[in-house]
Protein backbone atom coordinates (compact mmCIF):
# COMPACT_ATOMS: atom_id res chain seq x y z
CA UNK A 1 7.08 -3.24 -1.65
CA UNK A 2 6.21 -0.33 -3.96
CA UNK A 3 8.44 2.23 -2.38
CA UNK A 4 11.21 -0.34 -2.64
CA UNK A 5 10.86 -0.59 -6.43
CA UNK A 6 10.21 2.99 -7.17
CA UNK A 7 13.39 3.66 -5.05
CA UNK A 8 15.25 1.33 -7.56
CA UNK A 9 13.81 3.41 -10.66
CA UNK A 10 11.87 0.25 -11.53
CA UNK A 11 8.36 0.02 -12.88
CA UNK A 12 6.23 -1.36 -10.33
CA UNK A 13 3.61 -2.77 -12.57
CA UNK A 14 6.10 -5.24 -13.83
CA UNK A 15 7.19 -6.11 -10.19
CA UNK A 16 4.02 -6.31 -9.08
CA UNK A 17 2.98 -8.69 -11.44
CA UNK A 18 5.92 -11.05 -10.70
CA UNK A 19 5.13 -10.89 -7.18
CA UNK A 20 1.94 -11.92 -7.60
CA UNK A 21 2.30 -14.47 -9.86
CA UNK A 22 4.57 -16.17 -7.62
CA UNK A 23 2.57 -15.32 -4.31
CA UNK A 24 3.57 -18.76 -2.33
CA UNK A 25 7.24 -18.40 -3.64
CA UNK A 26 7.55 -14.71 -1.73
CA UNK A 27 4.90 -14.92 0.75
CA UNK A 28 2.98 -11.98 -0.60
CA UNK A 29 0.76 -10.26 1.47
CA UNK A 30 -1.43 -7.67 0.04
CA UNK A 31 -3.79 -7.31 3.10
CA UNK A 32 -2.34 -5.16 4.97
CA UNK A 33 -3.62 -1.93 5.46
CA UNK A 34 -2.04 1.57 5.71
CA UNK A 35 -2.78 5.00 5.45
CA UNK A 36 -1.46 7.62 3.37
CA UNK A 37 -0.61 11.21 3.91
CA UNK A 38 -4.52 12.64 3.25
CA UNK A 39 -5.88 9.73 5.40
CA UNK A 40 -7.42 7.00 3.31
CA UNK A 41 -6.91 3.66 3.51
CA UNK A 42 -4.56 1.62 1.31
CA UNK A 43 -3.58 -2.09 1.20
CA UNK A 44 -0.04 -2.84 0.80
CA UNK A 45 2.07 -5.25 -0.92
CA UNK A 46 4.61 -6.81 1.33
CA UNK A 47 6.87 -10.08 1.38
CA UNK A 48 8.69 -11.16 4.95
CA UNK A 49 12.25 -9.71 5.23
CA UNK A 50 13.72 -13.21 4.92
CA UNK A 51 12.18 -13.75 1.44
CA UNK A 52 13.30 -10.39 0.27
CA UNK A 53 16.67 -11.37 -1.05
CA UNK A 54 15.43 -13.90 -2.83
CA UNK A 55 13.41 -11.38 -4.76
CA UNK A 56 15.96 -9.18 -5.09
CA UNK A 57 17.99 -11.88 -7.16
CA UNK A 58 15.57 -11.77 -9.89
CA UNK A 59 15.95 -8.38 -10.07
CA UNK A 60 17.90 -7.23 -13.61
CA UNK A 61 20.38 -4.84 -12.53
CA UNK A 62 21.16 -3.45 -16.24
CA UNK A 63 17.64 -1.84 -16.17
CA UNK A 64 18.00 0.51 -13.23
CA UNK A 65 18.63 3.26 -14.25
CA UNK A 66 20.82 5.32 -11.35
CA UNK A 67 24.45 3.95 -11.26
CA UNK A 68 24.83 4.56 -7.57
CA UNK A 69 21.87 2.21 -6.26
CA UNK A 70 22.41 -0.36 -9.43
CA UNK A 71 26.04 -0.57 -7.36
CA UNK A 72 24.26 -1.04 -4.04
CA UNK A 73 21.49 -3.69 -5.18
CA UNK A 74 24.47 -5.59 -7.23
CA UNK A 75 26.41 -5.21 -3.45
CA UNK A 76 23.45 -7.32 -1.70
CA UNK A 77 22.61 -9.62 -4.44
CA UNK A 78 26.35 -10.89 -4.41
CA UNK A 79 26.86 -10.85 -0.85
């Protein structure tokens, strides 16, 4: 989720807190481990793809700084 949130230009800390506060609602998993570019293991915060639209609906698109990204997110939310 972090790359998605950062790609929108939003603060990861607030979105991570929102996701973890509603773990059951979004099906949050923090036990998936991956390796970063330097080879260190890191836990990833993930949600099932079917829960992604529900989380996306909670995003305040006015806070997305890039107009092109904001427009794409608004289109996804209003489909």
